[in-house]
Amino acid sequence: MKNSRRVRREHDRPGAAGRVVTASEAAKNFGALVERVREARATYVVERSGVPVVEIAPVAWTRPTVADLVGWLRAPERLDESYLAEVERGVAYLNEPSIPANRWAS
């Protein structure tokens, strides 16, 4: 037990790869843990029996720019023709009138 505590303190140092929490601590306080990751962009290593099992880290997320959109639109890759045909069929189906031309026909 003392050894795992020493590892935990070592990981709590600033600049370390991440803070260490036990699996039971993470399970009991999962909402708070996720909030700390979201707010402080902190990384946590979850241990089970003193062995690192998983890392909880913030998602690397960037917003696409207009330049990205222009690049995607100019990309030489085109969609598969069979996929495009299915999309057209779906659009045609959704554009069919919901009221029949002859309401009295059944």
PDB file of N, CA and C in Angstrom:
ATOM      1  N   MET A   1       0.812  -1.197   0.000  1.00  0.00           N
ATOM      2  CA  MET A   1       0.000   0.000   0.000  1.00  0.00           C
ATOM      3  C   MET A   1       0.860   1.268   0.000  1.00  0.00           C
ATOM      4  N   LYS A   2       1.951   1.255   0.807  1.00  0.00           N
ATOM      5  CA  LYS A   2       2.790   2.447   0.864  1.00  0.00           C
ATOM      6  C   LYS A   2       3.381   2.775  -0.506  1.00  0.00           C
ATOM      7  N   ASN A   3       3.754   1.746  -1.240  1.00  0.00           N
ATOM      8  CA  ASN A   3       4.343   1.954  -2.553  1.00  0.00           C
ATOM      9  C   ASN A   3       3.363   2.659  -3.491  1.00  0.00           C
ATOM     10  N   SER A   4       2.072   2.244  -3.492  1.00  0.00           N
ATOM     11  CA  SER A   4       1.107   2.886  -4.381  1.00  0.00           C
ATOM     12  C   SER A   4       0.861   4.329  -3.964  1.00  0.00           C
ATOM     13  N   ARG A   5       0.929   4.602  -2.645  1.00  0.00           N
ATOM     14  CA  ARG A   5       0.777   5.995  -2.202  1.00  0.00           C
ATOM     15  C   ARG A   5       1.940   6.851  -2.711  1.00  0.00           C
ATOM     16  N   ARG A   6       3.142   6.265  -2.677  1.00  0.00           N
ATOM     17  CA  ARG A   6       4.305   7.001  -3.155  1.00  0.00           C
ATOM     18  C   ARG A   6       4.145   7.316  -4.642  1.00  0.00           C
ATOM     19  N   VAL A   7       3.671   6.360  -5.418  1.00  0.00           N
ATOM     20  CA  VAL A   7       3.451   6.581  -6.849  1.00  0.00           C
ATOM     21  C   VAL A   7       2.405   7.659  -7.039  1.00  0.00           C
ATOM     22  N   ARG A   8       1.334   7.620  -6.249  1.00  0.00           N
ATOM     23  CA  ARG A   8       0.266   8.607  -6.373  1.00  0.00           C
ATOM     24  C   ARG A   8       0.813  10.015  -6.109  1.00  0.00           C
ATOM     25  N   ARG A   9       1.626  10.182  -5.074  1.00  0.00           N
ATOM     26  CA  ARG A   9       2.177  11.510  -4.777  1.00  0.00           C
ATOM     27  C   ARG A   9       3.101  11.966  -5.907  1.00  0.00           C
ATOM     28  N   GLU A  10       3.858  11.018  -6.436  1.00  0.00           N
ATOM     29  CA  GLU A  10       4.770  11.338  -7.521  1.00  0.00           C
ATOM     30  C   GLU A  10       4.005  11.870  -8.728  1.00  0.00           C
ATOM     31  N   HIS A  11       2.846  11.267  -9.038  1.00  0.00           N
ATOM     32  CA  HIS A  11       2.059  11.707 -10.187  1.00  0.00           C
ATOM     33  C   HIS A  11       1.307  13.003  -9.916  1.00  0.00           C
ATOM     34  N   ASP A  12       1.130  13.398  -8.657  1.00  0.00           N
ATOM     35  CA  ASP A  12       0.433  14.641  -8.354  1.00  0.00           C
ATOM     36  C   ASP A  12       1.316  15.869  -8.578  1.00  0.00           C
ATOM     37  N   ARG A  13       2.603  15.645  -8.854  1.00  0.00           N
ATOM     38  CA  ARG A  13       3.487  16.778  -9.101  1.00  0.00           C
ATOM     39  C   ARG A  13       3.068  17.527 -10.345  1.00  0.00           C
ATOM     40  N   PRO A  14       3.241  18.861 -10.366  1.00  0.00           N
ATOM     41  CA  PRO A  14       2.979  19.598 -11.599  1.00  0.00           C
ATOM     42  C   PRO A  14       3.917  19.115 -12.699  1.00  0.00           C
ATOM     43  N   GLY A  15       3.388  19.001 -13.901  1.00  0.00           N
ATOM     44  CA  GLY A  15       4.187  18.570 -15.026  1.00  0.00           C
ATOM     45  C   GLY A  15       4.235  17.068 -15.200  1.00  0.00           C
ATOM     46  N   ALA A  16       3.646  16.308 -14.268  1.00  0.00           N
ATOM     47  CA  ALA A  16       3.638  14.851 -14.409  1.00  0.00           C
ATOM     48  C   ALA A  16       2.637  14.460 -15.487  1.00  0.00           C
ATOM     49  N   ALA A  17       2.726  13.218 -15.938  1.00  0.00           N
ATOM     50  CA  ALA A  17       1.854  12.739 -17.016  1.00  0.00           C
ATOM     51  C   ALA A  17       0.385  12.819 -16.618  1.00  0.00           C
ATOM     52  N   GLY A  18       0.072  12.586 -15.367  1.00  0.00           N
ATOM     53  CA  GLY A  18      -1.303  12.658 -14.909  1.00  0.00           C
ATOM     54  C   GLY A  18      -1.390  12.291 -13.451  1.00  0.00           C
ATOM     55  N   ARG A  19      -2.489  12.639 -12.849  1.00  0.00           N
ATOM     56  CA  ARG A  19      -2.717  12.276 -11.463  1.00  0.00           C
ATOM     57  C   ARG A  19      -3.252  10.858 -11.424  1.00  0.00           C
ATOM     58  N   VAL A  20      -2.927  10.136 -10.368  1.00  0.00           N
ATOM     59  CA  VAL A  20      -3.336   8.754 -10.247  1.00  0.00           C
ATOM     60  C   VAL A  20      -4.501   8.657  -9.267  1.00  0.00           C
ATOM     61  N   VAL A  21      -5.547   7.916  -9.670  1.00  0.00           N
ATOM     62  CA  VAL A  21      -6.668   7.614  -8.779  1.00  0.00           C
ATOM     63  C   VAL A  21      -6.934   6.120  -8.873  1.00  0.00           C
ATOM     64  N   THR A  22      -7.464   5.563  -7.791  1.00  0.00           N
ATOM     65  CA  THR A  22      -7.811   4.147  -7.829  1.00  0.00           C
ATOM     66  C   THR A  22      -9.110   3.974  -8.602  1.00  0.00           C
ATOM     67  N   ALA A  23      -9.366   2.767  -9.055  1.00  0.00           N
ATOM     68  CA  ALA A  23     -10.588   2.484  -9.805  1.00  0.00           C
ATOM     69  C   ALA A  23     -11.815   2.734  -8.938  1.00  0.00           C
ATOM     70  N   SER A  24     -11.735   2.393  -7.650  1.00  0.00           N
ATOM     71  CA  SER A  24     -12.898   2.627  -6.783  1.00  0.00           C
ATOM     72  C   SER A  24     -13.123   4.117  -6.550  1.00  0.00           C
ATOM     73  N   GLU A  25     -12.038   4.903  -6.408  1.00  0.00           N
ATOM     74  CA  GLU A  25     -12.192   6.359  -6.274  1.00  0.00           C
ATOM     75  C   GLU A  25     -12.826   6.944  -7.538  1.00  0.00           C
ATOM     76  N   ALA A  26     -12.371   6.486  -8.690  1.00  0.00           N
ATOM     77  CA  ALA A  26     -12.903   6.988  -9.955  1.00  0.00           C
ATOM     78  C   ALA A  26     -14.375   6.630 -10.095  1.00  0.00           C
ATOM     79  N   ALA A  27     -14.756   5.420  -9.680  1.00  0.00           N
ATOM     80  CA  ALA A  27     -16.158   4.997  -9.786  1.00  0.00           C
ATOM     81  C   ALA A  27     -17.050   5.803  -8.848  1.00  0.00           C
ATOM     82  N   LYS A  28     -16.579   6.023  -7.629  1.00  0.00           N
ATOM     83  CA  LYS A  28     -17.386   6.756  -6.642  1.00  0.00           C
ATOM     84  C   LYS A  28     -17.548   8.222  -7.016  1.00  0.00           C
ATOM     85  N   ASN A  29     -16.550   8.804  -7.643  1.00  0.00           N
ATOM     86  CA  ASN A  29     -16.544  10.242  -7.914  1.00  0.00           C
ATOM     87  C   ASN A  29     -16.423  10.527  -9.403  1.00  0.00           C
ATOM     88  N   PHE A  30     -17.041   9.680 -10.231  1.00  0.00           N
ATOM     89  CA  PHE A  30     -16.846   9.810 -11.675  1.00  0.00           C
ATOM     90  C   PHE A  30     -17.306  11.165 -12.213  1.00  0.00           C
ATOM     91  N   GLY A  31     -18.465  11.645 -11.758  1.00  0.00           N
ATOM     92  CA  GLY A  31     -18.958  12.939 -12.236  1.00  0.00           C
ATOM     93  C   GLY A  31     -17.997  14.067 -11.917  1.00  0.00           C
ATOM     94  N   ALA A  32     -17.481  14.087 -10.692  1.00  0.00           N
ATOM     95  CA  ALA A  32     -16.531  15.125 -10.290  1.00  0.00           C
ATOM     96  C   ALA A  32     -15.225  14.984 -11.062  1.00  0.00           C
ATOM     97  N   LEU A  33     -14.812  13.751 -11.309  1.00  0.00           N
ATOM     98  CA  LEU A  33     -13.587  13.509 -12.064  1.00  0.00           C
ATOM     99  C   LEU A  33     -13.709  14.040 -13.484  1.00  0.00           C
ATOM    100  N   VAL A  34     -14.824  13.756 -14.119  1.00  0.00           N
ATOM    101  CA  VAL A  34     -15.059  14.251 -15.482  1.00  0.00           C
ATOM    102  C   VAL A  34     -15.096  15.775 -15.489  1.00  0.00           C
ATOM    103  N   GLU A  35     -15.703  16.354 -14.479  1.00  0.00           N
ATOM    104  CA  GLU A  35     -15.769  17.821 -14.391  1.00  0.00           C
ATOM    105  C   GLU A  35     -14.372  18.426 -14.253  1.00  0.00           C
ATOM    106  N   ARG A  36     -13.505  17.802 -13.432  1.00  0.00           N
ATOM    107  CA  ARG A  36     -12.130  18.303 -13.288  1.00  0.00           C
ATOM    108  C   ARG A  36     -11.361  18.186 -14.603  1.00  0.00           C
ATOM    109  N   VAL A  37     -11.593  17.094 -15.324  1.00  0.00           N
ATOM    110  CA  VAL A  37     -10.933  16.929 -16.623  1.00  0.00           C
ATOM    111  C   VAL A  37     -11.414  18.008 -17.580  1.00  0.00           C
ATOM    112  N   ARG A  38     -12.722  18.278 -17.566  1.00  0.00           N
ATOM    113  CA  ARG A  38     -13.290  19.284 -18.475  1.00  0.00           C
ATOM    114  C   ARG A  38     -12.841  20.687 -18.108  1.00  0.00           C
ATOM    115  N   GLU A  39     -12.925  21.037 -16.837  1.00  0.00           N
ATOM    116  CA  GLU A  39     -12.616  22.411 -16.406  1.00  0.00           C
ATOM    117  C   GLU A  39     -11.118  22.709 -16.416  1.00  0.00           C
ATOM    118  N   ALA A  40     -10.317  21.821 -15.798  1.00  0.00           N
ATOM    119  CA  ALA A  40      -8.884  22.079 -15.640  1.00  0.00           C
ATOM    120  C   ALA A  40      -8.047  21.433 -16.734  1.00  0.00           C
ATOM    121  N   ARG A  41      -8.713  20.685 -17.656  1.00  0.00           N
ATOM    122  CA  ARG A  41      -8.013  19.956 -18.710  1.00  0.00           C
ATOM    123  C   ARG A  41      -6.955  19.044 -18.104  1.00  0.00           C
ATOM    124  N   ALA A  42      -7.289  18.460 -16.936  1.00  0.00           N
ATOM    125  CA  ALA A  42      -6.376  17.567 -16.224  1.00  0.00           C
ATOM    126  C   ALA A  42      -6.455  16.166 -16.805  1.00  0.00           C
ATOM    127  N   THR A  43      -5.404  15.401 -16.589  1.00  0.00           N
ATOM    128  CA  THR A  43      -5.343  14.012 -17.026  1.00  0.00           C
ATOM    129  C   THR A  43      -5.218  13.136 -15.793  1.00  0.00           C
ATOM    130  N   TYR A  44      -5.977  12.050 -15.755  1.00  0.00           N
ATOM    131  CA  TYR A  44      -5.943  11.123 -14.622  1.00  0.00           C
ATOM    132  C   TYR A  44      -5.638   9.724 -15.115  1.00  0.00           C
ATOM    133  N   VAL A  45      -4.792   9.025 -14.361  1.00  0.00           N
ATOM    134  CA  VAL A  45      -4.492   7.627 -14.619  1.00  0.00           C
ATOM    135  C   VAL A  45      -5.254   6.830 -13.573  1.00  0.00           C
ATOM    136  N   VAL A  46      -6.072   5.884 -14.019  1.00  0.00           N
ATOM    137  CA  VAL A  46      -6.856   5.060 -13.112  1.00  0.00           C
ATOM    138  C   VAL A  46      -6.110   3.747 -12.909  1.00  0.00           C
ATOM    139  N   GLU A  47      -5.903   3.393 -11.632  1.00  0.00           N
ATOM    140  CA  GLU A  47      -5.195   2.172 -11.287  1.00  0.00           C
ATOM    141  C   GLU A  47      -6.152   1.149 -10.704  1.00  0.00           C
ATOM    142  N   ARG A  48      -5.863  -0.114 -10.949  1.00  0.00           N
ATOM    143  CA  ARG A  48      -6.545  -1.216 -10.278  1.00  0.00           C
ATOM    144  C   ARG A  48      -5.444  -2.096  -9.699  1.00  0.00           C
ATOM    145  N   SER A  49      -5.483  -2.259  -8.378  1.00  0.00           N
ATOM    146  CA  SER A  49      -4.458  -3.035  -7.650  1.00  0.00           C
ATOM    147  C   SER A  49      -3.064  -2.483  -7.901  1.00  0.00           C
ATOM    148  N   GLY A  50      -2.945  -1.167  -7.991  1.00  0.00           N
ATOM    149  CA  GLY A  50      -1.655  -0.521  -8.168  1.00  0.00           C
ATOM    150  C   GLY A  50      -1.115  -0.529  -9.583  1.00  0.00           C
ATOM    151  N   VAL A  51      -1.881  -1.086 -10.519  1.00  0.00           N
ATOM    152  CA  VAL A  51      -1.436  -1.169 -11.910  1.00  0.00           C
ATOM    153  C   VAL A  51      -2.239  -0.177 -12.752  1.00  0.00           C
ATOM    154  N   PRO A  52      -1.580   0.714 -13.502  1.00  0.00           N
ATOM    155  CA  PRO A  52      -2.311   1.643 -14.361  1.00  0.00           C
ATOM    156  C   PRO A  52      -3.137   0.876 -15.396  1.00  0.00           C
ATOM    157  N   VAL A  53      -4.429   1.228 -15.491  1.00  0.00           N
ATOM    158  CA  VAL A  53      -5.333   0.518 -16.385  1.00  0.00           C
ATOM    159  C   VAL A  53      -5.823   1.410 -17.515  1.00  0.00           C
ATOM    160  N   VAL A  54      -6.181   2.636 -17.179  1.00  0.00           N
ATOM    161  CA  VAL A  54      -6.767   3.529 -18.171  1.00  0.00           C
ATOM    162  C   VAL A  54      -6.385   4.962 -17.839  1.00  0.00           C
ATOM    163  N   GLU A  55      -6.406   5.795 -18.863  1.00  0.00           N
ATOM    164  CA  GLU A  55      -6.125   7.213 -18.676  1.00  0.00           C
ATOM    165  C   GLU A  55      -7.363   8.005 -19.090  1.00  0.00           C
ATOM    166  N   ILE A  56      -7.768   8.925 -18.247  1.00  0.00           N
ATOM    167  CA  ILE A  56      -8.891   9.810 -18.569  1.00  0.00           C
ATOM    168  C   ILE A  56      -8.295  11.177 -18.867  1.00  0.00           C
ATOM    169  N   ALA A  57      -8.499  11.633 -20.089  1.00  0.00           N
ATOM    170  CA  ALA A  57      -7.884  12.886 -20.529  1.00  0.00           C
ATOM    171  C   ALA A  57      -8.888  13.685 -21.341  1.00  0.00           C
ATOM    172  N   PRO A  58      -8.691  15.003 -21.415  1.00  0.00           N
ATOM    173  CA  PRO A  58      -9.589  15.812 -22.245  1.00  0.00           C
ATOM    174  C   PRO A  58      -9.424  15.470 -23.716  1.00  0.00           C
ATOM    175  N   VAL A  59     -10.490  15.616 -24.448  1.00  0.00           N
ATOM    176  CA  VAL A  59     -10.471  15.352 -25.883  1.00  0.00           C
ATOM    177  C   VAL A  59      -9.780  16.515 -26.584  1.00  0.00           C
ATOM    178  N   ALA A  60      -8.882  16.176 -27.493  1.00  0.00           N
ATOM    179  CA  ALA A  60      -8.239  17.205 -28.306  1.00  0.00           C
ATOM    180  C   ALA A  60      -9.232  17.583 -29.398  1.00  0.00           C
ATOM    181  N   TRP A  61      -9.838  18.725 -29.261  1.00  0.00           N
ATOM    182  CA  TRP A  61     -10.896  19.141 -30.183  1.00  0.00           C
ATOM    183  C   TRP A  61     -10.553  20.490 -30.756  1.00  0.00           C
ATOM    184  N   THR A  62     -10.628  20.593 -32.059  1.00  0.00           N
ATOM    185  CA  THR A  62     -10.396  21.875 -32.712  1.00  0.00           C
ATOM    186  C   THR A  62     -11.587  22.175 -33.610  1.00  0.00           C
ATOM    187  N   ARG A  63     -11.844  23.434 -33.797  1.00  0.00           N
ATOM    188  CA  ARG A  63     -12.938  23.840 -34.672  1.00  0.00           C
ATOM    189  C   ARG A  63     -12.431  23.955 -36.100  1.00  0.00           C
ATOM    190  N   PRO A  64     -13.189  23.412 -37.034  1.00  0.00           N
ATOM    191  CA  PRO A  64     -12.770  23.568 -38.428  1.00  0.00           C
ATOM    192  C   PRO A  64     -12.917  25.027 -38.867  1.00  0.00           C
ATOM    193  N   THR A  65     -12.053  25.425 -39.765  1.00  0.00           N
ATOM    194  CA  THR A  65     -12.084  26.793 -40.276  1.00  0.00           C
ATOM    195  C   THR A  65     -12.728  26.807 -41.657  1.00  0.00           C
ATOM    196  N   VAL A  66     -12.967  27.998 -42.184  1.00  0.00           N
ATOM    197  CA  VAL A  66     -13.493  28.138 -43.538  1.00  0.00           C
ATOM    198  C   VAL A  66     -12.488  27.566 -44.537  1.00  0.00           C
ATOM    199  N   ALA A  67     -11.206  27.740 -44.252  1.00  0.00           N
ATOM    200  CA  ALA A  67     -10.181  27.182 -45.134  1.00  0.00           C
ATOM    201  C   ALA A  67     -10.278  25.655 -45.163  1.00  0.00           C
ATOM    202  N   ASP A  68     -10.582  25.030 -44.019  1.00  0.00           N
ATOM    203  CA  ASP A  68     -10.776  23.579 -43.982  1.00  0.00           C
ATOM    204  C   ASP A  68     -11.948  23.180 -44.875  1.00  0.00           C
ATOM    205  N   LEU A  69     -13.049  23.920 -44.778  1.00  0.00           N
ATOM    206  CA  LEU A  69     -14.230  23.626 -45.594  1.00  0.00           C
ATOM    207  C   LEU A  69     -13.904  23.728 -47.080  1.00  0.00           C
ATOM    208  N   VAL A  70     -13.206  24.778 -47.462  1.00  0.00           N
ATOM    209  CA  VAL A  70     -12.828  24.962 -48.863  1.00  0.00           C
ATOM    210  C   VAL A  70     -11.957  23.790 -49.318  1.00  0.00           C
ATOM    211  N   GLY A  71     -11.035  23.365 -48.477  1.00  0.00           N
ATOM    212  CA  GLY A  71     -10.187  22.223 -48.813  1.00  0.00           C
ATOM    213  C   GLY A  71     -10.988  20.951 -48.993  1.00  0.00           C
ATOM    214  N   TRP A  72     -11.971  20.720 -48.136  1.00  0.00           N
ATOM    215  CA  TRP A  72     -12.811  19.524 -48.247  1.00  0.00           C
ATOM    216  C   TRP A  72     -13.630  19.552 -49.530  1.00  0.00           C
ATOM    217  N   LEU A  73     -14.147  20.726 -49.868  1.00  0.00           N
ATOM    218  CA  LEU A  73     -14.963  20.830 -51.074  1.00  0.00           C
ATOM    219  C   LEU A  73     -14.136  20.671 -52.338  1.00  0.00           C
ATOM    220  N   ARG A  74     -12.880  21.052 -52.281  1.00  0.00           N
ATOM    221  CA  ARG A  74     -12.004  20.939 -53.449  1.00  0.00           C
ATOM    222  C   ARG A  74     -11.289  19.591 -53.529  1.00  0.00           C
ATOM    223  N   ALA A  75     -11.479  18.747 -52.551  1.00  0.00           N
ATOM    224  CA  ALA A  75     -10.798  17.447 -52.528  1.00  0.00           C
ATOM    225  C   ALA A  75     -11.218  16.625 -53.742  1.00  0.00           C
ATOM    226  N   PRO A  76     -10.267  15.942 -54.365  1.00  0.00           N
ATOM    227  CA  PRO A  76     -10.594  15.172 -55.564  1.00  0.00           C
ATOM    228  C   PRO A  76     -11.428  13.917 -55.273  1.00  0.00           C
ATOM    229  N   GLU A  77     -11.495  13.501 -54.019  1.00  0.00           N
ATOM    230  CA  GLU A  77     -12.249  12.293 -53.683  1.00  0.00           C
ATOM    231  C   GLU A  77     -13.745  12.550 -53.843  1.00  0.00           C
ATOM    232  N   ARG A  78     -14.403  11.604 -54.463  1.00  0.00           N
ATOM    233  CA  ARG A  78     -15.841  11.703 -54.666  1.00  0.00           C
ATOM    234  C   ARG A  78     -16.508  10.526 -53.987  1.00  0.00           C
ATOM    235  N   LEU A  79     -17.774  10.691 -53.668  1.00  0.00           N
ATOM    236  CA  LEU A  79     -18.524   9.618 -53.038  1.00  0.00           C
ATOM    237  C   LEU A  79     -18.849   8.526 -54.041  1.00  0.00           C
ATOM    238  N   ASP A  80     -19.046   7.333 -53.542  1.00  0.00           N
ATOM    239  CA  ASP A  80     -19.396   6.185 -54.356  1.00  0.00           C
ATOM    240  C   ASP A  80     -20.733   6.424 -55.037  1.00  0.00           C
ATOM    241  N   GLU A  81     -20.828   6.048 -56.308  1.00  0.00           N
ATOM    242  CA  GLU A  81     -22.056   6.279 -57.087  1.00  0.00           C
ATOM    243  C   GLU A  81     -23.260   5.557 -56.496  1.00  0.00           C
ATOM    244  N   SER A  82     -23.074   4.337 -55.975  1.00  0.00           N
ATOM    245  CA  SER A  82     -24.208   3.609 -55.400  1.00  0.00           C
ATOM    246  C   SER A  82     -24.720   4.316 -54.142  1.00  0.00           C
ATOM    247  N   TYR A  83     -23.806   4.897 -53.368  1.00  0.00           N
ATOM    248  CA  TYR A  83     -24.213   5.659 -52.186  1.00  0.00           C
ATOM    249  C   TYR A  83     -25.029   6.882 -52.599  1.00  0.00           C
ATOM    250  N   LEU A  84     -24.555   7.594 -53.610  1.00  0.00           N
ATOM    251  CA  LEU A  84     -25.275   8.780 -54.084  1.00  0.00           C
ATOM    252  C   LEU A  84     -26.658   8.417 -54.623  1.00  0.00           C
ATOM    253  N   ALA A  85     -26.774   7.264 -55.306  1.00  0.00           N
ATOM    254  CA  ALA A  85     -28.071   6.817 -55.811  1.00  0.00           C
ATOM    255  C   ALA A  85     -29.024   6.541 -54.653  1.00  0.00           C
ATOM    256  N   GLU A  86     -28.533   5.928 -53.572  1.00  0.00           N
ATOM    257  CA  GLU A  86     -29.375   5.656 -52.397  1.00  0.00           C
ATOM    258  C   GLU A  86     -29.816   6.957 -51.726  1.00  0.00           C
ATOM    259  N   VAL A  87     -28.924   7.941 -51.669  1.00  0.00           N
ATOM    260  CA  VAL A  87     -29.283   9.240 -51.093  1.00  0.00           C
ATOM    261  C   VAL A  87     -30.386   9.878 -51.927  1.00  0.00           C
ATOM    262  N   GLU A  88     -30.256   9.830 -53.235  1.00  0.00           N
ATOM    263  CA  GLU A  88     -31.280  10.403 -54.117  1.00  0.00           C
ATOM    264  C   GLU A  88     -32.618   9.693 -53.933  1.00  0.00           C
ATOM    265  N   ARG A  89     -32.583   8.357 -53.788  1.00  0.00           N
ATOM    266  CA  ARG A  89     -33.824   7.613 -53.539  1.00  0.00           C
ATOM    267  C   ARG A  89     -34.465   8.047 -52.221  1.00  0.00           C
ATOM    268  N   GLY A  90     -33.652   8.225 -51.195  1.00  0.00           N
ATOM    269  CA  GLY A  90     -34.169   8.665 -49.895  1.00  0.00           C
ATOM    270  C   GLY A  90     -34.773  10.051 -49.965  1.00  0.00           C
ATOM    271  N   VAL A  91     -34.116  10.953 -50.667  1.00  0.00           N
ATOM    272  CA  VAL A  91     -34.638  12.315 -50.829  1.00  0.00           C
ATOM    273  C   VAL A  91     -35.951  12.290 -51.592  1.00  0.00           C
ATOM    274  N   ALA A  92     -36.028  11.496 -52.656  1.00  0.00           N
ATOM    275  CA  ALA A  92     -37.266  11.389 -53.431  1.00  0.00           C
ATOM    276  C   ALA A  92     -38.393  10.836 -52.564  1.00  0.00           C
ATOM    277  N   TYR A  93     -38.093   9.838 -51.747  1.00  0.00           N
ATOM    278  CA  TYR A  93     -39.108   9.257 -50.855  1.00  0.00           C
ATOM    279  C   TYR A  93     -39.613  10.301 -49.864  1.00  0.00           C
ATOM    280  N   LEU A  94     -38.705  11.056 -49.274  1.00  0.00           N
ATOM    281  CA  LEU A  94     -39.100  12.068 -48.284  1.00  0.00           C
ATOM    282  C   LEU A  94     -39.843  13.237 -48.920  1.00  0.00           C
ATOM    283  N   ASN A  95     -39.653  13.460 -50.212  1.00  0.00           N
ATOM    284  CA  ASN A  95     -40.334  14.553 -50.898  1.00  0.00           C
ATOM    285  C   ASN A  95     -41.688  14.153 -51.476  1.00  0.00           C
ATOM    286  N   GLU A  96     -42.075  12.882 -51.324  1.00  0.00           N
ATOM    287  CA  GLU A  96     -43.390  12.461 -51.800  1.00  0.00           C
ATOM    288  C   GLU A  96     -44.457  13.148 -50.964  1.00  0.00           C
ATOM    289  N   PRO A  97     -45.549  13.575 -51.596  1.00  0.00           N
ATOM    290  CA  PRO A  97     -46.601  14.243 -50.826  1.00  0.00           C
ATOM    291  C   PRO A  97     -47.201  13.293 -49.796  1.00  0.00           C
ATOM    292  N   SER A  98     -47.497  13.822 -48.617  1.00  0.00           N
ATOM    293  CA  SER A  98     -48.061  12.980 -47.568  1.00  0.00           C
ATOM    294  C   SER A  98     -49.564  12.811 -47.746  1.00  0.00           C
ATOM    295  N   ILE A  99     -50.186  13.713 -48.491  1.00  0.00           N
ATOM    296  CA  ILE A  99     -51.618  13.610 -48.781  1.00  0.00           C
ATOM    297  C   ILE A  99     -51.745  13.087 -50.197  1.00  0.00           C
ATOM    298  N   PRO A 100     -52.458  11.970 -50.403  1.00  0.00           N
ATOM    299  CA  PRO A 100     -52.583  11.447 -51.768  1.00  0.00           C
ATOM    300  C   PRO A 100     -53.329  12.406 -52.665  1.00  0.00           C
ATOM    301  N   ALA A 101     -53.072  12.299 -53.958  1.00  0.00           N
ATOM    302  CA  ALA A 101     -53.731  13.176 -54.931  1.00  0.00           C
ATOM    303  C   ALA A 101     -55.253  13.007 -54.852  1.00  0.00           C
ATOM    304  N   ASN A 102     -55.733  11.786 -54.714  1.00  0.00           N
ATOM    305  CA  ASN A 102     -57.155  11.517 -54.571  1.00  0.00           C
ATOM    306  C   ASN A 102     -57.404  11.033 -53.145  1.00  0.00           C
ATOM    307  N   ARG A 103     -57.911  11.904 -52.296  1.00  0.00           N
ATOM    308  CA  ARG A 103     -58.109  11.549 -50.882  1.00  0.00           C
ATOM    309  C   ARG A 103     -59.117  10.430 -50.698  1.00  0.00           C
ATOM    310  N   TRP A 104     -59.988  10.221 -51.674  1.00  0.00           N
ATOM    311  CA  TRP A 104     -61.046   9.216 -51.531  1.00  0.00           C
ATOM    312  C   TRP A 104     -60.604   7.833 -51.968  1.00  0.00           C
ATOM    313  N   ALA A 105     -59.482   7.772 -52.643  1.00  0.00           N
ATOM    314  CA  ALA A 105     -58.973   6.465 -53.076  1.00  0.00           C
ATOM    315  C   ALA A 105     -58.330   5.770 -51.881  1.00  0.00           C
ATOM    316  N   SER A 106     -58.559   4.486 -51.734  1.00  0.00           N
ATOM    317  CA  SER A 106     -57.940   3.770 -50.639  1.00  0.00           C
ATOM    318  C   SER A 106     -57.306   2.485 -51.057  1.00  0.00           C
TER     319      SER A 106
END
